[in-house]
Amino acid sequence: SARGEGRRRSVACGRGRGSMISSILLINLKGEILIWRAYKDNVSRAEWQVFCNRVVAAKESRDKPVQSINGVHFIHTMQGDVVLVAATKDNINVILTIKVLYKMVDIFKAYFGGSFDESQVRRNFVLIYELLDEILDYGYPQILEADVLKKYITQGNSKSIDLNDQETLKKITVQATGVCSWRAEGIKHRKNEVHIDVVENVNILMSAKRESLRADVAGQILVKCQLSGMPECKFGMNDKLVMSSADKTRSTDKGIALDDYRFHQCVRLSKFDVDREITFIPPDGVFELMTYRITENIESPFKLLPNVKMLGRNKLELSLQVTAMYDKNITATNVQIDIPCPKNTARGIVHKIDHGRARFEPSKGAIVWRIRRFPGRHEYTVLAEVELASTVTDKQWVKPPITMSFDVPQFTASGLRVRFLKVQEKSNYKPVKWIRYLTRAGSYQHRI
C-alpha cells in the first residue's frame, strides 16, 4: 500500500527509527487542544499540558519556534489563531519538521478554500485526522502534496476515485511514493506552453549625499507549466560561475553572483552543484521554481535629486528631480513618490510638475507624486511650497526619507537573464516558451 511503501522509503533514507515526530497538536490561543494525533506514545498528555499552559496560554516565548520542557522538544508555528505543534523526545531535524508544519498549513488551506483558522478546525476535525494519518506515517513525512491527497481524501461534492480500480490506485501509489510526487503521469495539454516570470524586489537606501548605503535584490522565478507527459526542463542563467571568458568578452553582461538561493523540491540539486544548470521535472500549473538574493552590481532603475530650501520661519521649498536609468524602449508603470513634509504642515502647494499628478496628502504627511507611465531615459521635476503652522516649541525637523514604489517590466536590477530553457520529452513536441522580467520597489528610500 501507499502507507507501507512510505514507511519503507522513510527507513531506507537512512533516518533511524528513533528519530521521528511523536505527535502533532493543533492548539488555540487559549491553550486548548483542538486536535491531538499521536504517532508514538512517549509524550504524555500531562507533558503536552505543560507546554500549553507555559507557552501558548501564557503568551511567553511564542517567538521561539523550538521549546524544550522536561526532556520533550516542542517545535511550533502560529497561523492566525491556531498553533501547530510537533513534539518529540528524539534528536530530529528541526528545519525539516518546521517545513512539514508549513506544508500542513498549505494542505489545510487547499481543502478549506484558502483559509485556515480555529473555526475551520472545529468544523473539519474528522477530515483533519484523516489528513494527518496520510501526511505522516509513524511520525515520518509521507505525502505532502495536496493534489495527491485530494484524489482519495475528498469532502463535500468532490468526485472520489473508484477504490476498486486497481490501475488508478497503482498510479496514485506511484505518485505518492515515487521520486516525482509533485507530478502525476498521463497529463495532456492541447497546447504545450511554459511561462517563466523573473520578479525582483529591489531594495535601495541612498544617503543625503547620494551615496549608496544599501543595495540588494530579493527575486523569485515563477513558472506556469502546461506541458504534456513527463518533461525534463533545463534552465540556465547568466551565472558568473558558468559563463566562460569568451561569453564575457562578447557581451557587456559580466554575469551575476547569487548570494542566497532556495529551490522548489522538483529541482535536482546534485546537477546544479556540478554544472549550475537548474534541471527539473515541473509540477503542472503555477509554482515558484526558486528564490534568490543578490547584493553585487545592483542597478538602480531611478536616480533622485532632492532639495529642501527654507524660505523663512514658516515656509519651505521642496524640489525633486527623477531620472529613469533604464533603456528608452522600457516604460515603468504605477510610479509613486512620497516626499515627506514636517508634521506641522498647514498646506502644500505644487507650483511646477513636468509629468503626472502631485498633491499634499495630510493622511500621509507627504506630497504624493503619481506617474502612470515613466519612459526610460526621461527626466521629470516637481517643485512644491510648504506652509508650516506656528508651534510653541521650535523642534528641528527630522527629515524622513523619500520613498518610492514602481513596476518596471522587462528590466532586472540585478542583471539576471535567462540564457536558455530546454524542454525534453519522449514524444519530442516543441513547446512555446515565454519569458518575462519585472522589477518592483521593495524598500526604496532616499534620504534628504
Protein backbone atom coordinates (compact mmCIF):
# COMPACT_ATOMS: atom_id res chain seq x y z
CA SER A 1 0.00 0.00 0.00
CA ALA A 2 0.98 3.70 -0.21
CA ARG A 3 1.33 3.88 3.57
CA GLY A 4 3.50 0.76 3.77
CA GLU A 5 5.65 1.89 0.86
CA GLY A 6 6.08 5.31 2.52
CA ARG A 7 7.29 3.61 5.73
CA ARG A 8 9.84 1.56 3.80
CA ARG A 9 11.15 4.61 1.95
CA SER A 10 11.48 6.57 5.20
CA VAL A 11 13.61 3.89 6.81
CA ALA A 12 15.59 3.39 3.58
CA CYS A 13 16.53 7.08 3.53
CA GLY A 14 18.83 6.48 6.47
CA ARG A 15 16.73 8.04 9.22
CA GLY A 16 16.85 5.84 12.30
CA ARG A 17 13.60 4.56 13.67
CA GLY A 18 14.19 6.54 16.85
CA SER A 19 14.24 9.96 15.13
CA MET A 20 10.66 10.84 14.34
CA ILE A 21 7.77 13.12 15.30
CA SER A 22 5.94 11.63 18.28
CA SER A 23 2.72 13.63 17.95
CA ILE A 24 1.07 16.60 16.24
CA LEU A 25 -1.20 19.08 18.02
CA LEU A 26 -3.37 21.98 16.92
CA ILE A 27 -3.97 24.39 19.81
CA ASN A 28 -5.97 27.61 20.04
CA LEU A 29 -4.63 30.80 21.63
CA LYS A 30 -6.22 29.93 25.00
CA GLY A 31 -4.07 26.83 25.22
CA GLU A 32 -6.97 24.45 24.49
CA ILE A 33 -6.13 21.33 22.48
CA LEU A 34 -8.21 21.16 19.27
CA ILE A 35 -6.52 18.22 17.53
CA TRP A 36 -4.13 15.64 19.00
CA ARG A 37 -2.67 12.95 16.76
CA ALA A 38 -0.12 10.67 18.46
CA TYR A 39 2.22 8.56 16.32
CA LYS A 40 4.18 7.31 19.35
CA ASP A 41 3.05 7.16 22.95
CA ASN A 42 6.22 8.54 24.57
CA VAL A 43 4.84 12.10 25.04
CA SER A 44 2.01 12.13 27.57
CA ARG A 45 -0.97 14.47 27.81
CA ALA A 46 0.46 15.88 31.05
CA GLU A 47 3.65 16.91 29.21
CA TRP A 48 1.57 18.49 26.47
CA GLN A 49 -0.46 20.40 29.04
CA VAL A 50 2.72 21.91 30.49
CA PHE A 51 3.56 23.31 27.04
CA CYS A 52 0.01 24.60 26.52
CA ASN A 53 -0.05 26.37 29.88
CA ARG A 54 3.51 27.67 29.94
CA VAL A 55 3.94 28.78 26.33
CA VAL A 56 0.64 29.12 24.47
CA ALA A 57 -1.79 30.33 27.16
CA ALA A 58 0.84 32.40 29.00
CA LYS A 59 1.95 34.01 25.71
CA GLU A 60 5.58 33.50 26.71
CA SER A 61 8.36 32.73 24.25
CA ARG A 62 5.93 32.35 21.35
CA ASP A 63 8.59 33.81 19.08
CA LYS A 64 10.87 30.84 19.81
CA PRO A 65 9.92 28.03 17.42
CA VAL A 66 11.69 25.37 19.48
CA GLN A 67 10.97 24.82 23.19
CA SER A 68 12.46 22.08 25.35
CA ILE A 69 10.50 21.31 28.53
CA ASN A 70 11.41 18.39 30.80
CA GLY A 71 13.16 16.49 28.02
CA VAL A 72 10.39 16.99 25.43
CA HIS A 73 11.13 19.13 22.36
CA PHE A 74 8.15 21.18 21.09
CA ILE A 75 8.54 22.63 17.58
CA HIS A 76 5.73 25.04 16.73
CA THR A 77 4.49 27.73 14.40
CA MET A 78 1.46 30.04 14.63
CA GLN A 79 -1.05 30.52 11.83
CA GLY A 80 -3.68 33.11 12.76
CA ASP A 81 -5.45 31.86 15.88
CA VAL A 82 -4.08 28.29 15.64
CA VAL A 83 -0.74 27.00 16.90
CA LEU A 84 0.61 23.90 15.12
CA VAL A 85 3.00 21.88 17.27
CA ALA A 86 5.16 18.81 16.70
CA ALA A 87 6.54 17.08 19.79
CA THR A 88 9.37 14.56 20.15
CA LYS A 89 11.90 13.25 22.63
CA ASP A 90 14.34 12.39 19.83
CA ASN A 91 17.05 14.43 18.12
CA ILE A 92 15.13 15.09 14.90
CA ASN A 93 15.78 17.51 12.04
CA VAL A 94 14.19 20.78 13.24
CA ILE A 95 14.17 22.54 9.85
CA LEU A 96 12.53 19.52 8.23
CA THR A 97 9.86 19.48 10.97
CA ILE A 98 9.11 23.20 10.57
CA LYS A 99 8.82 22.70 6.80
CA VAL A 100 6.35 19.85 7.41
CA LEU A 101 4.24 22.13 9.64
CA TYR A 102 4.11 24.80 6.93
CA LYS A 103 3.19 22.19 4.31
CA MET A 104 0.37 21.04 6.60
CA VAL A 105 -0.99 24.59 6.62
CA ASP A 106 -0.83 24.69 2.79
CA ILE A 107 -2.72 21.37 2.60
CA PHE A 108 -5.40 22.53 5.07
CA LYS A 109 -5.85 25.76 3.10
CA ALA A 110 -6.19 23.75 -0.13
CA TYR A 111 -9.05 21.80 1.48
CA PHE A 112 -10.71 24.74 3.27
CA GLY A 113 -10.92 27.20 0.38
CA GLY A 114 -7.77 29.17 1.15
CA SER A 115 -8.45 29.92 4.83
CA PHE A 116 -7.28 28.20 7.99
CA ASP A 117 -8.46 29.20 11.47
CA GLU A 118 -9.95 27.74 14.67
CA SER A 119 -13.49 27.65 13.30
CA GLN A 120 -12.32 25.65 10.27
CA VAL A 121 -10.53 23.19 12.56
CA ARG A 122 -13.64 22.68 14.70
CA ARG A 123 -15.86 22.14 11.63
CA ASN A 124 -13.48 19.72 9.89
CA PHE A 125 -11.79 17.78 12.70
CA VAL A 126 -12.64 14.37 11.17
CA LEU A 127 -11.12 15.42 7.83
CA ILE A 128 -8.02 16.78 9.60
CA TYR A 129 -7.47 13.47 11.40
CA GLU A 130 -7.72 11.65 8.05
CA LEU A 131 -5.18 14.04 6.51
CA LEU A 132 -2.76 13.68 9.44
CA ASP A 133 -2.87 9.91 9.00
CA GLU A 134 -1.63 10.31 5.41
CA ILE A 135 0.68 13.31 5.78
CA LEU A 136 2.76 11.46 8.39
CA ASP A 137 3.29 7.71 8.67
CA TYR A 138 4.64 6.53 12.03
CA GLY A 139 5.94 10.09 12.53
CA TYR A 140 7.75 10.25 9.18
CA PRO A 141 6.66 12.73 6.46
CA GLN A 142 4.93 10.74 3.72
CA ILE A 143 2.52 12.64 1.41
CA LEU A 144 2.82 16.43 1.38
CA GLU A 145 1.13 17.17 -1.95
CA ALA A 146 -2.47 18.42 -1.73
CA ASP A 147 -3.21 17.28 -5.30
CA VAL A 148 -2.30 13.69 -4.43
CA LEU A 149 -4.29 13.71 -1.18
CA LYS A 150 -7.38 15.10 -2.90
CA LYS A 151 -7.55 12.04 -5.14
CA TYR A 152 -8.62 9.78 -2.29
CA ILE A 153 -9.45 12.05 0.67
CA THR A 154 -12.43 14.08 -0.52
CA GLN A 155 -15.02 16.36 1.01
CA GLY A 156 -18.47 17.63 0.11
CA ASN A 157 -19.41 17.07 -3.53
CA SER A 158 -15.84 16.36 -4.64
CA LYS A 159 -15.58 13.44 -7.02
CA SER A 160 -13.91 10.47 -5.40
CA ILE A 161 -11.86 7.85 -7.21
CA ASP A 162 -13.06 4.31 -7.67
CA LEU A 163 -11.27 2.34 -4.93
CA ASN A 164 -11.90 -0.88 -6.87
CA ASP A 165 -9.97 0.38 -9.90
CA GLN A 166 -6.56 -1.24 -9.40
CA GLU A 167 -4.92 0.74 -12.22
CA THR A 168 -5.95 4.09 -10.71
CA LEU A 169 -4.82 3.01 -7.24
CA LYS A 170 -1.47 1.95 -8.69
CA LYS A 171 -0.95 5.38 -10.29
CA ILE A 172 -1.75 7.14 -7.00
CA THR A 173 0.63 4.86 -5.11
CA VAL A 174 3.42 5.53 -7.62
CA GLN A 175 2.84 9.27 -7.43
CA ALA A 176 2.63 9.30 -3.62
CA THR A 177 5.69 7.13 -3.02
CA GLY A 178 7.79 7.68 -6.13
CA VAL A 179 10.56 10.18 -6.79
CA CYS A 180 8.17 12.63 -8.52
CA SER A 181 5.23 13.01 -6.16
CA TRP A 182 4.53 16.57 -7.35
CA ARG A 183 3.57 15.45 -10.88
CA ALA A 184 1.16 12.74 -11.98
CA GLU A 185 1.66 10.63 -15.07
CA GLY A 186 -0.56 10.93 -18.14
CA ILE A 187 -1.00 14.74 -18.12
CA LYS A 188 -2.09 16.04 -21.53
CA HIS A 189 -2.44 19.59 -22.89
CA ARG A 190 -3.71 20.61 -26.33
CA LYS A 191 -1.09 23.36 -26.47
CA ASN A 192 2.26 22.83 -24.74
CA GLU A 193 3.47 26.06 -23.17
CA VAL A 194 5.82 27.12 -20.39
CA HIS A 195 5.87 30.65 -18.96
CA ILE A 196 8.77 31.96 -16.83
CA ASP A 197 8.44 35.17 -14.82
CA VAL A 198 11.54 36.66 -13.18
CA VAL A 199 10.22 39.01 -10.48
CA GLU A 200 12.66 41.14 -8.47
CA ASN A 201 12.12 43.41 -5.48
CA VAL A 202 14.92 45.94 -5.35
CA ASN A 203 15.92 47.45 -2.00
CA ILE A 204 17.80 50.75 -2.21
CA LEU A 205 18.85 53.23 0.51
CA MET A 206 20.67 56.39 -0.57
CA SER A 207 22.18 58.96 1.79
CA ALA A 208 21.53 62.70 1.55
CA LYS A 209 24.98 62.95 -0.13
CA ARG A 210 23.77 60.48 -2.79
CA GLU A 211 25.97 57.65 -1.53
CA SER A 212 24.63 54.09 -1.65
CA LEU A 213 24.05 52.73 1.87
CA ARG A 214 22.18 49.61 0.80
CA ALA A 215 21.54 47.90 -2.50
CA ASP A 216 20.25 44.36 -2.84
CA VAL A 217 17.66 42.36 -4.75
CA ALA A 218 15.26 39.69 -3.48
CA GLY A 219 13.99 37.81 -6.50
CA GLN A 220 11.84 34.86 -7.41
CA ILE A 221 11.39 32.81 -10.57
CA LEU A 222 7.77 31.78 -11.15
CA VAL A 223 6.84 29.09 -13.68
CA LYS A 224 3.49 28.36 -15.27
CA CYS A 225 3.76 24.89 -16.80
CA GLN A 226 1.28 23.47 -19.29
CA LEU A 227 3.31 20.58 -20.67
CA SER A 228 2.13 17.08 -21.56
CA GLY A 229 3.70 13.87 -20.33
CA MET A 230 6.73 13.82 -18.01
CA PRO A 231 9.04 16.53 -19.42
CA GLU A 232 12.52 17.34 -18.13
CA CYS A 233 13.38 21.01 -18.21
CA LYS A 234 16.82 22.61 -18.12
CA PHE A 235 17.10 26.24 -17.16
CA GLY A 236 20.26 28.36 -17.29
CA MET A 237 21.01 31.95 -16.32
CA ASN A 238 23.98 34.30 -16.61
CA ASP A 239 25.69 32.93 -13.51
CA LYS A 240 29.28 34.17 -13.08
CA LEU A 241 30.46 30.67 -12.22
CA VAL A 242 29.45 29.15 -15.56
CA MET A 243 29.97 32.00 -18.06
CA SER A 244 33.19 31.45 -19.98
CA SER A 245 35.69 34.20 -20.61
CA ALA A 246 34.59 34.22 -24.27
CA ASP A 247 30.97 34.85 -23.21
CA LYS A 248 32.08 37.78 -21.06
CA THR A 249 34.22 39.23 -23.85
CA ARG A 250 31.42 39.11 -26.45
CA SER A 251 28.84 40.67 -24.15
CA THR A 252 28.69 43.59 -21.76
CA ASP A 253 26.98 41.17 -19.35
CA LYS A 254 29.57 40.05 -16.79
CA GLY A 255 27.21 37.64 -15.05
CA ILE A 256 25.55 37.64 -11.67
CA ALA A 257 26.70 36.28 -8.31
CA LEU A 258 23.96 34.57 -6.29
CA ASP A 259 24.37 35.18 -2.54
CA ASP A 260 21.46 33.03 -1.35
CA TYR A 261 19.05 30.79 -3.21
CA ARG A 262 16.31 28.28 -2.45
CA PHE A 263 14.75 25.82 -4.90
CA HIS A 264 11.45 24.02 -5.31
CA GLN A 265 11.68 20.35 -4.39
CA CYS A 266 11.49 19.35 -8.06
CA VAL A 267 15.00 20.73 -8.75
CA ARG A 268 17.84 18.22 -8.89
CA LEU A 269 20.34 19.81 -6.52
CA SER A 270 23.19 17.43 -7.38
CA LYS A 271 23.16 18.56 -11.02
CA PHE A 272 23.04 22.24 -10.03
CA ASP A 273 26.11 21.78 -7.80
CA VAL A 274 28.04 20.30 -10.74
CA ASP A 275 27.11 22.42 -13.78
CA ARG A 276 24.99 25.25 -12.25
CA GLU A 277 22.08 24.34 -14.54
CA ILE A 278 18.64 24.05 -12.96
CA THR A 279 17.26 20.67 -14.04
CA PHE A 280 13.72 19.73 -13.01
CA ILE A 281 10.55 17.82 -13.83
CA PRO A 282 7.96 20.58 -13.28
CA PRO A 283 4.65 20.31 -11.44
CA ASP A 284 1.62 21.03 -13.62
CA GLY A 285 0.36 24.59 -13.21
CA VAL A 286 1.91 27.57 -11.43
CA PHE A 287 4.74 27.16 -8.94
CA GLU A 288 7.78 29.01 -7.53
CA LEU A 289 10.91 27.47 -9.05
CA MET A 290 13.41 29.38 -6.93
CA THR A 291 14.04 32.45 -4.79
CA TYR A 292 17.37 34.25 -4.61
CA ARG A 293 19.21 37.25 -3.18
CA ILE A 294 21.89 39.30 -4.95
CA THR A 295 23.97 42.10 -3.41
CA GLU A 296 26.57 42.81 -6.12
CA ASN A 297 26.31 45.27 -9.03
CA ILE A 298 22.72 46.33 -8.35
CA GLU A 299 21.45 48.80 -10.94
CA SER A 300 19.01 51.33 -9.54
CA PRO A 301 16.19 51.99 -12.04
CA PHE A 302 15.82 55.63 -10.91
CA LYS A 303 18.13 58.45 -9.83
CA LEU A 304 16.67 61.02 -7.40
CA LEU A 305 18.00 64.56 -6.82
CA PRO A 306 16.02 66.07 -3.91
CA ASN A 307 16.47 69.56 -2.48
CA VAL A 308 14.95 71.26 0.59
CA LYS A 309 15.22 75.03 0.95
CA MET A 310 13.92 77.10 3.88
CA LEU A 311 12.04 80.25 2.82
CA GLY A 312 11.72 81.84 6.23
CA ARG A 313 10.40 80.64 9.58
CA ASN A 314 7.12 79.09 8.36
CA LYS A 315 7.79 78.19 4.77
CA LEU A 316 10.00 75.79 2.85
CA GLU A 317 10.51 74.73 -0.75
CA LEU A 318 10.72 71.10 -1.84
CA SER A 319 12.04 70.09 -5.24
CA LEU A 320 12.74 66.67 -6.70
CA GLN A 321 14.26 65.63 -10.00
CA VAL A 322 13.76 62.00 -11.03
CA THR A 323 15.64 60.34 -13.90
CA ALA A 324 14.82 56.91 -15.36
CA MET A 325 18.11 54.99 -15.78
CA TYR A 326 16.73 52.11 -17.85
CA ASP A 327 16.56 51.90 -21.66
CA LYS A 328 14.29 54.06 -23.82
CA ASN A 329 12.24 51.08 -25.00
CA ILE A 330 11.19 50.29 -21.40
CA THR A 331 8.36 52.12 -19.60
CA ALA A 332 7.78 51.92 -15.85
CA THR A 333 4.21 51.90 -14.55
CA ASN A 334 2.41 52.78 -11.30
CA VAL A 335 5.22 55.05 -10.12
CA GLN A 336 4.51 56.75 -6.79
CA ILE A 337 6.92 59.02 -4.91
CA ASP A 338 6.18 60.20 -1.35
CA ILE A 339 8.06 63.39 -0.45
CA PRO A 340 7.78 63.85 3.35
CA CYS A 341 6.70 67.14 4.90
CA PRO A 342 7.08 68.42 8.50
CA LYS A 343 4.37 67.35 10.97
CA ASN A 344 3.16 70.94 11.40
CA THR A 345 2.48 71.41 7.68
CA ALA A 346 -0.63 73.55 7.16
CA ARG A 347 -0.80 73.15 3.40
CA GLY A 348 1.30 72.22 0.41
CA ILE A 349 1.13 73.91 -2.99
CA VAL A 350 2.59 72.30 -6.13
CA HIS A 351 3.96 75.07 -8.35
CA LYS A 352 5.55 73.02 -11.12
CA ILE A 353 5.20 69.44 -12.32
CA ASP A 354 6.57 68.02 -15.58
CA HIS A 355 4.56 64.80 -15.66
CA GLY A 356 1.86 63.03 -13.68
CA ARG A 357 -0.06 64.43 -10.70
CA ALA A 358 1.13 65.61 -7.30
CA ARG A 359 -0.65 66.93 -4.22
CA PHE A 360 -0.18 67.21 -0.47
CA GLU A 361 -1.96 64.38 1.40
CA PRO A 362 -2.33 65.14 5.15
CA SER A 363 -3.02 61.48 5.99
CA LYS A 364 0.45 60.55 4.73
CA GLY A 365 2.13 63.77 5.80
CA ALA A 366 3.72 63.98 2.37
CA ILE A 367 3.44 65.35 -1.12
CA VAL A 368 2.47 62.32 -3.18
CA TRP A 369 3.59 62.32 -6.81
CA ARG A 370 1.91 59.71 -9.04
CA ILE A 371 3.09 58.89 -12.57
CA ARG A 372 1.16 56.24 -14.50
CA ARG A 373 3.83 55.74 -17.19
CA PHE A 374 7.51 56.72 -16.89
CA PRO A 375 9.51 56.13 -20.15
CA GLY A 376 13.18 55.19 -19.95
CA ARG A 377 15.93 57.86 -20.09
CA HIS A 378 13.36 60.57 -19.29
CA GLU A 379 13.72 63.17 -16.55
CA TYR A 380 10.89 64.86 -14.65
CA THR A 381 10.82 67.51 -11.92
CA VAL A 382 8.33 68.59 -9.28
CA LEU A 383 8.51 71.85 -7.30
CA ALA A 384 6.31 72.48 -4.26
CA GLU A 385 5.99 75.05 -1.49
CA VAL A 386 5.01 74.01 2.03
CA GLU A 387 3.47 76.39 4.59
CA LEU A 388 4.02 75.49 8.25
CA ALA A 389 1.71 76.19 11.19
CA SER A 390 3.24 78.04 14.14
CA THR A 391 4.18 75.82 17.08
CA VAL A 392 5.07 76.55 20.71
CA THR A 393 8.38 74.70 20.51
CA ASP A 394 10.73 75.10 17.59
CA LYS A 395 11.77 71.49 17.23
CA GLN A 396 14.15 70.80 14.38
CA TRP A 397 12.55 68.76 11.62
CA VAL A 398 13.98 65.26 11.48
CA LYS A 399 13.64 64.58 7.78
CA PRO A 400 12.24 61.11 6.92
CA PRO A 401 13.47 59.64 3.62
CA ILE A 402 11.69 59.93 0.30
CA THR A 403 10.01 56.61 -0.53
CA MET A 404 9.16 55.24 -3.92
CA SER A 405 7.11 52.41 -5.44
CA PHE A 406 7.07 51.29 -9.08
CA ASP A 407 6.85 48.42 -11.58
CA VAL A 408 9.47 48.22 -14.35
CA PRO A 409 8.72 45.41 -16.86
CA GLN A 410 11.47 43.80 -18.98
CA PHE A 411 14.14 45.05 -16.55
CA THR A 412 16.08 43.36 -13.74
CA ALA A 413 18.03 45.43 -11.23
CA SER A 414 20.42 42.51 -10.64
CA GLY A 415 21.10 41.96 -14.34
CA LEU A 416 19.80 38.37 -14.20
CA ARG A 417 18.97 36.97 -17.62
CA VAL A 418 17.64 33.59 -18.73
CA ARG A 419 20.31 32.16 -21.08
CA PHE A 420 18.34 29.10 -22.17
CA LEU A 421 15.31 26.94 -21.43
CA LYS A 422 15.29 23.41 -22.83
CA VAL A 423 12.35 21.01 -22.64
CA GLN A 424 12.86 17.31 -23.34
CA GLU A 425 10.02 14.79 -23.50
CA LYS A 426 9.88 11.35 -25.11
CA SER A 427 7.20 12.45 -27.63
CA ASN A 428 9.59 15.24 -28.83
CA TYR A 429 6.99 18.03 -29.03
CA LYS A 430 8.15 21.64 -29.40
CA PRO A 431 6.61 23.77 -26.64
CA VAL A 432 6.02 27.51 -26.79
CA LYS A 433 8.28 29.34 -24.29
CA TRP A 434 7.54 32.72 -22.73
CA ILE A 435 9.97 34.69 -20.54
CA ARG A 436 9.10 37.93 -18.76
CA TYR A 437 11.04 40.19 -16.39
CA LEU A 438 9.66 42.57 -13.77
CA THR A 439 11.38 44.77 -11.17
CA ARG A 440 9.36 46.19 -8.29
CA ALA A 441 10.26 48.51 -5.46
CA GLY A 442 10.94 46.74 -2.18
CA SER A 443 12.26 49.22 0.36
CA TYR A 444 13.27 52.09 -1.93
CA GLN A 445 14.38 55.16 0.04
CA HIS A 446 16.42 58.33 -0.49
CA ARG A 447 17.36 60.49 2.48
CA ILE A 448 17.04 64.27 2.23
